[in-house]
Amino acid sequence: MVIEKSKYKTDARKNMKGGDGTVYVTEFVSSAELNEKGRLFGNIHLDPGASIGYHVHEGESELFYIIKGEAIYNDNGTEYPLCEGDTAVVTSGNGHSIANKGTEPVDLIALILYA
């Protein structure tokens, strides 16, 4: 199976999970294409000042792989800088958020799998 870029769906999510600004989420595949083992494999774009608010994952894990830019990642209340090539993981029962506090956009690949 090949899914062409033109078939991707992008949603603009204002104040995602209580965060700031608008976050753009592009889904590469559907849950069905993940064999119902997850709900997201895609790109998340954060313009300067945009963030995804702190939230806890229950029954799923999420991975962020930073493609471009620098972000601040909150892992259960502890903040870490993330840059190109870094990966952050949150497992079921734990919380996280991510913010672009810089002047350049941040792009990351996100994967959410059911635990």
PDB file of N, CA and C in Angstrom:
ATOM      1  N   MET A   1       0.846  -1.176   0.000  1.00  0.00           N
ATOM      2  CA  MET A   1       0.000   0.000   0.000  1.00  0.00           C
ATOM      3  C   MET A   1       0.891   1.237   0.000  1.00  0.00           C
ATOM      4  N   VAL A   2       0.498   2.203  -0.786  1.00  0.00           N
ATOM      5  CA  VAL A   2       1.168   3.503  -0.821  1.00  0.00           C
ATOM      6  C   VAL A   2       0.109   4.562  -0.581  1.00  0.00           C
ATOM      7  N   ILE A   3       0.426   5.495   0.293  1.00  0.00           N
ATOM      8  CA  ILE A   3      -0.477   6.614   0.549  1.00  0.00           C
ATOM      9  C   ILE A   3       0.257   7.876   0.124  1.00  0.00           C
ATOM     10  N   GLU A   4      -0.257   8.517  -0.893  1.00  0.00           N
ATOM     11  CA  GLU A   4       0.379   9.718  -1.412  1.00  0.00           C
ATOM     12  C   GLU A   4       0.150  10.903  -0.479  1.00  0.00           C
ATOM     13  N   LYS A   5       1.126  11.768  -0.425  1.00  0.00           N
ATOM     14  CA  LYS A   5       1.061  12.959   0.422  1.00  0.00           C
ATOM     15  C   LYS A   5      -0.226  13.746   0.210  1.00  0.00           C
ATOM     16  N   SER A   6      -0.720  13.784  -1.014  1.00  0.00           N
ATOM     17  CA  SER A   6      -1.937  14.544  -1.317  1.00  0.00           C
ATOM     18  C   SER A   6      -3.170  13.980  -0.612  1.00  0.00           C
ATOM     19  N   LYS A   7      -3.077  12.767  -0.100  1.00  0.00           N
ATOM     20  CA  LYS A   7      -4.208  12.117   0.585  1.00  0.00           C
ATOM     21  C   LYS A   7      -4.200  12.376   2.100  1.00  0.00           C
ATOM     22  N   TYR A   8      -3.117  12.955   2.632  1.00  0.00           N
ATOM     23  CA  TYR A   8      -3.034  13.223   4.069  1.00  0.00           C
ATOM     24  C   TYR A   8      -4.090  14.232   4.480  1.00  0.00           C
ATOM     25  N   LYS A   9      -4.571  14.074   5.699  1.00  0.00           N
ATOM     26  CA  LYS A   9      -5.565  14.981   6.266  1.00  0.00           C
ATOM     27  C   LYS A   9      -4.873  15.837   7.331  1.00  0.00           C
ATOM     28  N   THR A  10      -5.017  17.156   7.212  1.00  0.00           N
ATOM     29  CA  THR A  10      -4.444  18.067   8.202  1.00  0.00           C
ATOM     30  C   THR A  10      -5.562  18.805   8.924  1.00  0.00           C
ATOM     31  N   ASP A  11      -5.485  18.805  10.254  1.00  0.00           N
ATOM     32  CA  ASP A  11      -6.439  19.538  11.090  1.00  0.00           C
ATOM     33  C   ASP A  11      -5.709  20.654  11.814  1.00  0.00           C
ATOM     34  N   ALA A  12      -6.355  21.811  11.883  1.00  0.00           N
ATOM     35  CA  ALA A  12      -5.856  22.924  12.690  1.00  0.00           C
ATOM     36  C   ALA A  12      -6.584  22.850  14.028  1.00  0.00           C
ATOM     37  N   ARG A  13      -5.825  22.678  15.107  1.00  0.00           N
ATOM     38  CA  ARG A  13      -6.422  22.522  16.434  1.00  0.00           C
ATOM     39  C   ARG A  13      -6.025  23.700  17.322  1.00  0.00           C
ATOM     40  N   LYS A  14      -6.997  24.572  17.543  1.00  0.00           N
ATOM     41  CA  LYS A  14      -6.772  25.747  18.395  1.00  0.00           C
ATOM     42  C   LYS A  14      -6.727  25.330  19.856  1.00  0.00           C
ATOM     43  N   ASN A  15      -5.745  25.863  20.573  1.00  0.00           N
ATOM     44  CA  ASN A  15      -5.597  25.617  22.012  1.00  0.00           C
ATOM     45  C   ASN A  15      -5.669  24.122  22.345  1.00  0.00           C
ATOM     46  N   MET A  16      -4.915  23.332  21.603  1.00  0.00           N
ATOM     47  CA  MET A  16      -4.926  21.871  21.757  1.00  0.00           C
ATOM     48  C   MET A  16      -4.572  21.466  23.179  1.00  0.00           C
ATOM     49  N   LYS A  17      -5.434  20.706  23.782  1.00  0.00           N
ATOM     50  CA  LYS A  17      -5.262  20.222  25.171  1.00  0.00           C
ATOM     51  C   LYS A  17      -5.008  21.383  26.130  1.00  0.00           C
ATOM     52  N   GLY A  18      -5.559  22.556  25.835  1.00  0.00           N
ATOM     53  CA  GLY A  18      -5.386  23.721  26.690  1.00  0.00           C
ATOM     54  C   GLY A  18      -4.121  24.512  26.409  1.00  0.00           C
ATOM     55  N   GLY A  19      -3.433  24.175  25.324  1.00  0.00           N
ATOM     56  CA  GLY A  19      -2.206  24.883  24.963  1.00  0.00           C
ATOM     57  C   GLY A  19      -2.493  26.206  24.277  1.00  0.00           C
ATOM     58  N   ASP A  20      -1.431  26.838  23.816  1.00  0.00           N
ATOM     59  CA  ASP A  20      -1.518  28.151  23.174  1.00  0.00           C
ATOM     60  C   ASP A  20      -1.491  28.022  21.656  1.00  0.00           C
ATOM     61  N   GLY A  21      -2.149  28.959  20.989  1.00  0.00           N
ATOM     62  CA  GLY A  21      -2.088  29.040  19.538  1.00  0.00           C
ATOM     63  C   GLY A  21      -2.770  27.890  18.835  1.00  0.00           C
ATOM     64  N   THR A  22      -2.379  27.710  17.588  1.00  0.00           N
ATOM     65  CA  THR A  22      -2.948  26.660  16.747  1.00  0.00           C
ATOM     66  C   THR A  22      -1.867  25.634  16.425  1.00  0.00           C
ATOM     67  N   VAL A  23      -2.222  24.358  16.593  1.00  0.00           N
ATOM     68  CA  VAL A  23      -1.336  23.242  16.292  1.00  0.00           C
ATOM     69  C   VAL A  23      -1.896  22.557  15.045  1.00  0.00           C
ATOM     70  N   TYR A  24      -1.017  22.231  14.113  1.00  0.00           N
ATOM     71  CA  TYR A  24      -1.440  21.567  12.876  1.00  0.00           C
ATOM     72  C   TYR A  24      -1.025  20.100  12.936  1.00  0.00           C
ATOM     73  N   VAL A  25      -2.025  19.212  12.845  1.00  0.00           N
ATOM     74  CA  VAL A  25      -1.794  17.769  12.933  1.00  0.00           C
ATOM     75  C   VAL A  25      -2.120  17.156  11.575  1.00  0.00           C
ATOM     76  N   THR A  26      -1.123  16.532  10.958  1.00  0.00           N
ATOM     77  CA  THR A  26      -1.298  15.842   9.683  1.00  0.00           C
ATOM     78  C   THR A  26      -1.206  14.353   9.923  1.00  0.00           C
ATOM     79  N   GLU A  27      -2.293  13.649   9.633  1.00  0.00           N
ATOM     80  CA  GLU A  27      -2.328  12.197   9.821  1.00  0.00           C
ATOM     81  C   GLU A  27      -1.838  11.509   8.562  1.00  0.00           C
ATOM     82  N   PHE A  28      -0.817  10.647   8.704  1.00  0.00           N
ATOM     83  CA  PHE A  28      -0.276   9.906   7.569  1.00  0.00           C
ATOM     84  C   PHE A  28      -1.131   8.678   7.256  1.00  0.00           C
ATOM     85  N   VAL A  29      -1.669   8.054   8.299  1.00  0.00           N
ATOM     86  CA  VAL A  29      -2.479   6.842   8.149  1.00  0.00           C
ATOM     87  C   VAL A  29      -3.662   6.904   9.103  1.00  0.00           C
ATOM     88  N   SER A  30      -4.646   6.058   8.856  1.00  0.00           N
ATOM     89  CA  SER A  30      -5.811   5.965   9.743  1.00  0.00           C
ATOM     90  C   SER A  30      -5.562   4.916  10.819  1.00  0.00           C
ATOM     91  N   SER A  31      -6.432   4.881  11.796  1.00  0.00           N
ATOM     92  CA  SER A  31      -6.368   3.857  12.837  1.00  0.00           C
ATOM     93  C   SER A  31      -6.482   2.464  12.225  1.00  0.00           C
ATOM     94  N   ALA A  32      -7.317   2.333  11.211  1.00  0.00           N
ATOM     95  CA  ALA A  32      -7.468   1.033  10.533  1.00  0.00           C
ATOM     96  C   ALA A  32      -6.145   0.592   9.915  1.00  0.00           C
ATOM     97  N   GLU A  33      -5.409   1.546   9.363  1.00  0.00           N
ATOM     98  CA  GLU A  33      -4.114   1.217   8.757  1.00  0.00           C
ATOM     99  C   GLU A  33      -3.054   0.919   9.803  1.00  0.00           C
ATOM    100  N   LEU A  34      -3.321   1.278  11.040  1.00  0.00           N
ATOM    101  CA  LEU A  34      -2.468   0.897  12.170  1.00  0.00           C
ATOM    102  C   LEU A  34      -2.969  -0.404  12.807  1.00  0.00           C
ATOM    103  N   ASN A  35      -3.853  -1.109  12.098  1.00  0.00           N
ATOM    104  CA  ASN A  35      -4.444  -2.360  12.583  1.00  0.00           C
ATOM    105  C   ASN A  35      -5.142  -2.179  13.920  1.00  0.00           C
ATOM    106  N   GLU A  36      -5.733  -0.975  14.115  1.00  0.00           N
ATOM    107  CA  GLU A  36      -6.454  -0.642  15.354  1.00  0.00           C
ATOM    108  C   GLU A  36      -5.562  -0.765  16.593  1.00  0.00           C
ATOM    109  N   LYS A  37      -4.255  -0.695  16.395  1.00  0.00           N
ATOM    110  CA  LYS A  37      -3.297  -0.764  17.512  1.00  0.00           C
ATOM    111  C   LYS A  37      -2.875   0.619  17.976  1.00  0.00           C
ATOM    112  N   GLY A  38      -3.354   1.646  17.281  1.00  0.00           N
ATOM    113  CA  GLY A  38      -3.006   3.011  17.628  1.00  0.00           C
ATOM    114  C   GLY A  38      -3.961   3.982  16.973  1.00  0.00           C
ATOM    115  N   ARG A  39      -3.797   5.275  17.339  1.00  0.00           N
ATOM    116  CA  ARG A  39      -4.717   6.271  16.790  1.00  0.00           C
ATOM    117  C   ARG A  39      -4.049   7.412  16.047  1.00  0.00           C
ATOM    118  N   LEU A  40      -2.708   7.473  16.065  1.00  0.00           N
ATOM    119  CA  LEU A  40      -2.053   8.541  15.317  1.00  0.00           C
ATOM    120  C   LEU A  40      -0.653   8.131  14.901  1.00  0.00           C
ATOM    121  N   PHE A  41      -0.365   8.364  13.642  1.00  0.00           N
ATOM    122  CA  PHE A  41       0.996   8.369  13.108  1.00  0.00           C
ATOM    123  C   PHE A  41       0.993   9.533  12.139  1.00  0.00           C
ATOM    124  N   GLY A  42       1.701  10.604  12.508  1.00  0.00           N
ATOM    125  CA  GLY A  42       1.650  11.786  11.665  1.00  0.00           C
ATOM    126  C   GLY A  42       2.624  12.859  12.087  1.00  0.00           C
ATOM    127  N   ASN A  43       2.450  14.014  11.478  1.00  0.00           N
ATOM    128  CA  ASN A  43       3.281  15.180  11.742  1.00  0.00           C
ATOM    129  C   ASN A  43       2.513  16.177  12.608  1.00  0.00           C
ATOM    130  N   ILE A  44       3.202  16.755  13.561  1.00  0.00           N
ATOM    131  CA  ILE A  44       2.655  17.857  14.352  1.00  0.00           C
ATOM    132  C   ILE A  44       3.535  19.074  14.089  1.00  0.00           C
ATOM    133  N   HIS A  45       2.880  20.177  13.720  1.00  0.00           N
ATOM    134  CA  HIS A  45       3.577  21.429  13.416  1.00  0.00           C
ATOM    135  C   HIS A  45       3.187  22.473  14.457  1.00  0.00           C
ATOM    136  N   LEU A  46       4.214  23.059  15.082  1.00  0.00           N
ATOM    137  CA  LEU A  46       4.029  24.113  16.082  1.00  0.00           C
ATOM    138  C   LEU A  46       4.723  25.377  15.596  1.00  0.00           C
ATOM    139  N   ASP A  47       3.944  26.396  15.288  1.00  0.00           N
ATOM    140  CA  ASP A  47       4.536  27.686  14.978  1.00  0.00           C
ATOM    141  C   ASP A  47       5.076  28.299  16.271  1.00  0.00           C
ATOM    142  N   PRO A  48       5.946  29.312  16.165  1.00  0.00           N
ATOM    143  CA  PRO A  48       6.434  29.969  17.381  1.00  0.00           C
ATOM    144  C   PRO A  48       5.272  30.404  18.281  1.00  0.00           C
ATOM    145  N   GLY A  49       5.371  30.087  19.561  1.00  0.00           N
ATOM    146  CA  GLY A  49       4.341  30.435  20.533  1.00  0.00           C
ATOM    147  C   GLY A  49       3.257  29.387  20.696  1.00  0.00           C
ATOM    148  N   ALA A  50       3.206  28.400  19.815  1.00  0.00           N
ATOM    149  CA  ALA A  50       2.173  27.357  19.898  1.00  0.00           C
ATOM    150  C   ALA A  50       2.615  26.233  20.837  1.00  0.00           C
ATOM    151  N   SER A  51       1.617  25.587  21.451  1.00  0.00           N
ATOM    152  CA  SER A  51       1.921  24.482  22.363  1.00  0.00           C
ATOM    153  C   SER A  51       0.752  23.518  22.432  1.00  0.00           C
ATOM    154  N   ILE A  52       1.057  22.317  22.891  1.00  0.00           N
ATOM    155  CA  ILE A  52       0.046  21.329  23.270  1.00  0.00           C
ATOM    156  C   ILE A  52       0.073  21.304  24.786  1.00  0.00           C
ATOM    157  N   GLY A  53      -1.067  21.565  25.416  1.00  0.00           N
ATOM    158  CA  GLY A  53      -1.129  21.638  26.873  1.00  0.00           C
ATOM    159  C   GLY A  53      -0.881  20.298  27.559  1.00  0.00           C
ATOM    160  N   TYR A  54      -0.573  20.389  28.819  1.00  0.00           N
ATOM    161  CA  TYR A  54      -0.284  19.194  29.622  1.00  0.00           C
ATOM    162  C   TYR A  54      -1.516  18.288  29.695  1.00  0.00           C
ATOM    163  N   HIS A  55      -1.290  17.004  29.454  1.00  0.00           N
ATOM    164  CA  HIS A  55      -2.358  16.008  29.529  1.00  0.00           C
ATOM    165  C   HIS A  55      -1.759  14.645  29.858  1.00  0.00           C
ATOM    166  N   VAL A  56      -2.575  13.780  30.415  1.00  0.00           N
ATOM    167  CA  VAL A  56      -2.155  12.439  30.821  1.00  0.00           C
ATOM    168  C   VAL A  56      -2.718  11.427  29.828  1.00  0.00           C
ATOM    169  N   HIS A  57      -1.892  10.474  29.450  1.00  0.00           N
ATOM    170  CA  HIS A  57      -2.325   9.395  28.555  1.00  0.00           C
ATOM    171  C   HIS A  57      -2.754   8.190  29.391  1.00  0.00           C
ATOM    172  N   GLU A  58      -3.922   7.679  29.095  1.00  0.00           N
ATOM    173  CA  GLU A  58      -4.436   6.478  29.749  1.00  0.00           C
ATOM    174  C   GLU A  58      -4.682   5.423  28.683  1.00  0.00           C
ATOM    175  N   GLY A  59      -4.077   4.268  28.828  1.00  0.00           N
ATOM    176  CA  GLY A  59      -4.293   3.177  27.880  1.00  0.00           C
ATOM    177  C   GLY A  59      -3.575   3.344  26.554  1.00  0.00           C
ATOM    178  N   GLU A  60      -2.610   4.258  26.507  1.00  0.00           N
ATOM    179  CA  GLU A  60      -1.849   4.466  25.279  1.00  0.00           C
ATOM    180  C   GLU A  60      -0.512   5.123  25.603  1.00  0.00           C
ATOM    181  N   SER A  61       0.413   4.997  24.677  1.00  0.00           N
ATOM    182  CA  SER A  61       1.716   5.648  24.766  1.00  0.00           C
ATOM    183  C   SER A  61       1.892   6.550  23.553  1.00  0.00           C
ATOM    184  N   GLU A  62       2.665   7.633  23.724  1.00  0.00           N
ATOM    185  CA  GLU A  62       2.935   8.531  22.609  1.00  0.00           C
ATOM    186  C   GLU A  62       4.421   8.806  22.514  1.00  0.00           C
ATOM    187  N   LEU A  63       4.901   8.827  21.281  1.00  0.00           N
ATOM    188  CA  LEU A  63       6.299   9.133  20.998  1.00  0.00           C
ATOM    189  C   LEU A  63       6.358  10.361  20.116  1.00  0.00           C
ATOM    190  N   PHE A  64       7.280  11.273  20.411  1.00  0.00           N
ATOM    191  CA  PHE A  64       7.556  12.442  19.584  1.00  0.00           C
ATOM    192  C   PHE A  64       8.990  12.315  19.080  1.00  0.00           C
ATOM    193  N   TYR A  65       9.188  12.453  17.781  1.00  0.00           N
ATOM    194  CA  TYR A  65      10.523  12.510  17.190  1.00  0.00           C
ATOM    195  C   TYR A  65      10.650  13.877  16.526  1.00  0.00           C
ATOM    196  N   ILE A  66      11.582  14.689  16.991  1.00  0.00           N
ATOM    197  CA  ILE A  66      11.726  16.054  16.490  1.00  0.00           C
ATOM    198  C   ILE A  66      12.456  16.045  15.144  1.00  0.00           C
ATOM    199  N   ILE A  67      11.776  16.559  14.131  1.00  0.00           N
ATOM    200  CA  ILE A  67      12.343  16.646  12.781  1.00  0.00           C
ATOM    201  C   ILE A  67      13.067  17.972  12.585  1.00  0.00           C
ATOM    202  N   LYS A  68      12.440  19.049  13.104  1.00  0.00           N
ATOM    203  CA  LYS A  68      12.969  20.395  12.869  1.00  0.00           C
ATOM    204  C   LYS A  68      12.607  21.287  14.036  1.00  0.00           C
ATOM    205  N   GLY A  69      13.537  22.141  14.436  1.00  0.00           N
ATOM    206  CA  GLY A  69      13.262  23.145  15.455  1.00  0.00           C
ATOM    207  C   GLY A  69      13.648  22.711  16.853  1.00  0.00           C
ATOM    208  N   GLU A  70      13.321  23.579  17.804  1.00  0.00           N
ATOM    209  CA  GLU A  70      13.615  23.342  19.219  1.00  0.00           C
ATOM    210  C   GLU A  70      12.357  23.589  20.033  1.00  0.00           C
ATOM    211  N   ALA A  71      12.098  22.701  20.986  1.00  0.00           N
ATOM    212  CA  ALA A  71      10.888  22.785  21.800  1.00  0.00           C
ATOM    213  C   ALA A  71      11.227  22.536  23.259  1.00  0.00           C
ATOM    214  N   ILE A  72      10.286  22.909  24.119  1.00  0.00           N
ATOM    215  CA  ILE A  72      10.372  22.581  25.545  1.00  0.00           C
ATOM    216  C   ILE A  72       9.342  21.489  25.801  1.00  0.00           C
ATOM    217  N   TYR A  73       9.810  20.366  26.350  1.00  0.00           N
ATOM    218  CA  TYR A  73       8.975  19.201  26.606  1.00  0.00           C
ATOM    219  C   TYR A  73       8.788  19.048  28.113  1.00  0.00           C
ATOM    220  N   ASN A  74       7.550  18.941  28.548  1.00  0.00           N
ATOM    221  CA  ASN A  74       7.218  18.726  29.955  1.00  0.00           C
ATOM    222  C   ASN A  74       6.908  17.244  30.135  1.00  0.00           C
ATOM    223  N   ASP A  75       7.740  16.564  30.884  1.00  0.00           N
ATOM    224  CA  ASP A  75       7.588  15.133  31.158  1.00  0.00           C
ATOM    225  C   ASP A  75       7.222  14.969  32.629  1.00  0.00           C
ATOM    226  N   ASN A  76       5.921  14.847  32.896  1.00  0.00           N
ATOM    227  CA  ASN A  76       5.444  14.673  34.277  1.00  0.00           C
ATOM    228  C   ASN A  76       5.915  15.786  35.203  1.00  0.00           C
ATOM    229  N   GLY A  77       5.950  17.020  34.684  1.00  0.00           N
ATOM    230  CA  GLY A  77       6.300  18.164  35.516  1.00  0.00           C
ATOM    231  C   GLY A  77       7.745  18.616  35.414  1.00  0.00           C
ATOM    232  N   THR A  78       8.597  17.846  34.746  1.00  0.00           N
ATOM    233  CA  THR A  78       9.993  18.231  34.555  1.00  0.00           C
ATOM    234  C   THR A  78      10.184  18.644  33.104  1.00  0.00           C
ATOM    235  N   GLU A  79      10.737  19.840  32.886  1.00  0.00           N
ATOM    236  CA  GLU A  79      10.924  20.343  31.534  1.00  0.00           C
ATOM    237  C   GLU A  79      12.303  20.002  30.987  1.00  0.00           C
ATOM    238  N   TYR A  80      12.320  19.653  29.700  1.00  0.00           N
ATOM    239  CA  TYR A  80      13.541  19.313  28.985  1.00  0.00           C
ATOM    240  C   TYR A  80      13.535  20.017  27.640  1.00  0.00           C
ATOM    241  N   PRO A  81      14.693  20.484  27.174  1.00  0.00           N
ATOM    242  CA  PRO A  81      14.759  21.010  25.811  1.00  0.00           C
ATOM    243  C   PRO A  81      14.838  19.840  24.833  1.00  0.00           C
ATOM    244  N   LEU A  82      14.152  19.962  23.719  1.00  0.00           N
ATOM    245  CA  LEU A  82      14.234  18.967  22.655  1.00  0.00           C
ATOM    246  C   LEU A  82      14.677  19.664  21.383  1.00  0.00           C
ATOM    247  N   CYS A  83      15.509  19.000  20.584  1.00  0.00           N
ATOM    248  CA  CYS A  83      15.919  19.547  19.298  1.00  0.00           C
ATOM    249  C   CYS A  83      15.939  18.434  18.263  1.00  0.00           C
ATOM    250  N   GLU A  84      16.224  18.812  17.039  1.00  0.00           N
ATOM    251  CA  GLU A  84      16.219  17.883  15.919  1.00  0.00           C
ATOM    252  C   GLU A  84      16.934  16.580  16.262  1.00  0.00           C
ATOM    253  N   GLY A  85      16.250  15.460  16.028  1.00  0.00           N
ATOM    254  CA  GLY A  85      16.819  14.134  16.288  1.00  0.00           C
ATOM    255  C   GLY A  85      16.473  13.557  17.644  1.00  0.00           C
ATOM    256  N   ASP A  86      15.932  14.377  18.562  1.00  0.00           N
ATOM    257  CA  ASP A  86      15.557  13.880  19.891  1.00  0.00           C
ATOM    258  C   ASP A  86      14.204  13.177  19.839  1.00  0.00           C
ATOM    259  N   THR A  87      14.024  12.220  20.752  1.00  0.00           N
ATOM    260  CA  THR A  87      12.760  11.499  20.890  1.00  0.00           C
ATOM    261  C   THR A  87      12.286  11.609  22.329  1.00  0.00           C
ATOM    262  N   ALA A  88      10.994  11.849  22.502  1.00  0.00           N
ATOM    263  CA  ALA A  88      10.373  11.870  23.827  1.00  0.00           C
ATOM    264  C   ALA A  88       9.276  10.812  23.835  1.00  0.00           C
ATOM    265  N   VAL A  89       9.150  10.115  24.962  1.00  0.00           N
ATOM    266  CA  VAL A  89       8.167   9.044  25.094  1.00  0.00           C
ATOM    267  C   VAL A  89       7.359   9.253  26.364  1.00  0.00           C
ATOM    268  N   VAL A  90       6.039   9.132  26.254  1.00  0.00           N
ATOM    269  CA  VAL A  90       5.175   9.134  27.433  1.00  0.00           C
ATOM    270  C   VAL A  90       4.385   7.828  27.400  1.00  0.00           C
ATOM    271  N   THR A  91       4.360   7.125  28.520  1.00  0.00           N
ATOM    272  CA  THR A  91       3.660   5.856  28.609  1.00  0.00           C
ATOM    273  C   THR A  91       2.334   6.028  29.351  1.00  0.00           C
ATOM    274  N   SER A  92       1.503   5.023  29.264  1.00  0.00           N
ATOM    275  CA  SER A  92       0.182   5.067  29.887  1.00  0.00           C
ATOM    276  C   SER A  92       0.281   5.429  31.367  1.00  0.00           C
ATOM    277  N   GLY A  93      -0.577   6.351  31.791  1.00  0.00           N
ATOM    278  CA  GLY A  93      -0.598   6.800  33.173  1.00  0.00           C
ATOM    279  C   GLY A  93       0.301   7.992  33.448  1.00  0.00           C
ATOM    280  N   ASN A  94       1.030   8.446  32.439  1.00  0.00           N
ATOM    281  CA  ASN A  94       1.939   9.573  32.588  1.00  0.00           C
ATOM    282  C   ASN A  94       1.480  10.733  31.715  1.00  0.00           C
ATOM    283  N   GLY A  95       2.011  11.938  32.030  1.00  0.00           N
ATOM    284  CA  GLY A  95       1.583  13.138  31.330  1.00  0.00           C
ATOM    285  C   GLY A  95       2.724  13.881  30.680  1.00  0.00           C
ATOM    286  N   HIS A  96       2.336  14.723  29.712  1.00  0.00           N
ATOM    287  CA  HIS A  96       3.337  15.525  29.012  1.00  0.00           C
ATOM    288  C   HIS A  96       2.686  16.720  28.309  1.00  0.00           C
ATOM    289  N   SER A  97       3.536  17.628  27.884  1.00  0.00           N
ATOM    290  CA  SER A  97       3.144  18.742  27.021  1.00  0.00           C
ATOM    291  C   SER A  97       4.371  19.133  26.217  1.00  0.00           C
ATOM    292  N   ILE A  98       4.150  19.958  25.199  1.00  0.00           N
ATOM    293  CA  ILE A  98       5.272  20.440  24.384  1.00  0.00           C
ATOM    294  C   ILE A  98       4.954  21.859  23.933  1.00  0.00           C
ATOM    295  N   ALA A  99       5.985  22.697  23.915  1.00  0.00           N
ATOM    296  CA  ALA A  99       5.805  24.108  23.562  1.00  0.00           C
ATOM    297  C   ALA A  99       6.943  24.585  22.671  1.00  0.00           C
ATOM    298  N   ASN A 100       6.592  25.397  21.698  1.00  0.00           N
ATOM    299  CA  ASN A 100       7.581  26.069  20.872  1.00  0.00           C
ATOM    300  C   ASN A 100       7.744  27.479  21.416  1.00  0.00           C
ATOM    301  N   LYS A 101       8.815  27.687  22.160  1.00  0.00           N
ATOM    302  CA  LYS A 101       9.078  29.001  22.738  1.00  0.00           C
ATOM    303  C   LYS A 101      10.124  29.767  21.945  1.00  0.00           C
ATOM    304  N   GLY A 102      10.511  29.202  20.789  1.00  0.00           N
ATOM    305  CA  GLY A 102      11.532  29.825  19.956  1.00  0.00           C
ATOM    306  C   GLY A 102      10.938  30.713  18.878  1.00  0.00           C
ATOM    307  N   THR A 103      11.766  31.012  17.888  1.00  0.00           N
ATOM    308  CA  THR A 103      11.354  31.901  16.797  1.00  0.00           C
ATOM    309  C   THR A 103      11.167  31.162  15.474  1.00  0.00           C
ATOM    310  N   GLU A 104      11.486  29.885  15.441  1.00  0.00           N
ATOM    311  CA  GLU A 104      11.354  29.065  14.230  1.00  0.00           C
ATOM    312  C   GLU A 104      10.309  27.977  14.470  1.00  0.00           C
ATOM    313  N   PRO A 105       9.635  27.496  13.413  1.00  0.00           N
ATOM    314  CA  PRO A 105       8.649  26.414  13.574  1.00  0.00           C
ATOM    315  C   PRO A 105       9.285  25.120  14.088  1.00  0.00           C
ATOM    316  N   VAL A 106       8.456  24.304  14.731  1.00  0.00           N
ATOM    317  CA  VAL A 106       8.859  22.962  15.179  1.00  0.00           C
ATOM    318  C   VAL A 106       7.977  21.962  14.443  1.00  0.00           C
ATOM    319  N   ASP A 107       8.628  20.946  13.873  1.00  0.00           N
ATOM    320  CA  ASP A 107       7.914  19.823  13.271  1.00  0.00           C
ATOM    321  C   ASP A 107       8.370  18.553  13.947  1.00  0.00           C
ATOM    322  N   LEU A 108       7.418  17.691  14.242  1.00  0.00           N
ATOM    323  CA  LEU A 108       7.739  16.420  14.870  1.00  0.00           C
ATOM    324  C   LEU A 108       6.842  15.324  14.325  1.00  0.00           C
ATOM    325  N   ILE A 109       7.346  14.117  14.365  1.00  0.00           N
ATOM    326  CA  ILE A 109       6.549  12.939  14.032  1.00  0.00           C
ATOM    327  C   ILE A 109       5.979  12.424  15.344  1.00  0.00           C
ATOM    328  N   ALA A 110       4.674  12.155  15.357  1.00  0.00           N
ATOM    329  CA  ALA A 110       4.011  11.629  16.553  1.00  0.00           C
ATOM    330  C   ALA A 110       3.426  10.248  16.238  1.00  0.00           C
ATOM    331  N   LEU A 111       3.566   9.350  17.209  1.00  0.00           N
ATOM    332  CA  LEU A 111       2.983   8.024  17.102  1.00  0.00           C
ATOM    333  C   LEU A 111       2.291   7.721  18.416  1.00  0.00           C
ATOM    334  N   ILE A 112       0.987   7.442  18.348  1.00  0.00           N
ATOM    335  CA  ILE A 112       0.227   7.061  19.544  1.00  0.00           C
ATOM    336  C   ILE A 112      -0.234   5.626  19.345  1.00  0.00           C
ATOM    337  N   LEU A 113       0.219   4.757  20.257  1.00  0.00           N
ATOM    338  CA  LEU A 113      -0.138   3.339  20.228  1.00  0.00           C
ATOM    339  C   LEU A 113      -0.900   2.973  21.487  1.00  0.00           C
ATOM    340  N   TYR A 114      -1.851   2.057  21.353  1.00  0.00           N
ATOM    341  CA  TYR A 114      -2.613   1.604  22.503  1.00  0.00           C
ATOM    342  C   TYR A 114      -1.753   0.685  23.364  1.00  0.00           C
ATOM    343  N   ALA A 115      -1.847   0.859  24.675  1.00  0.00           N
ATOM    344  CA  ALA A 115      -1.045   0.060  25.610  1.00  0.00           C
ATOM    345  C   ALA A 115      -1.697  -1.301  25.837  1.00  0.00           C
TER     346      ALA A 115
END
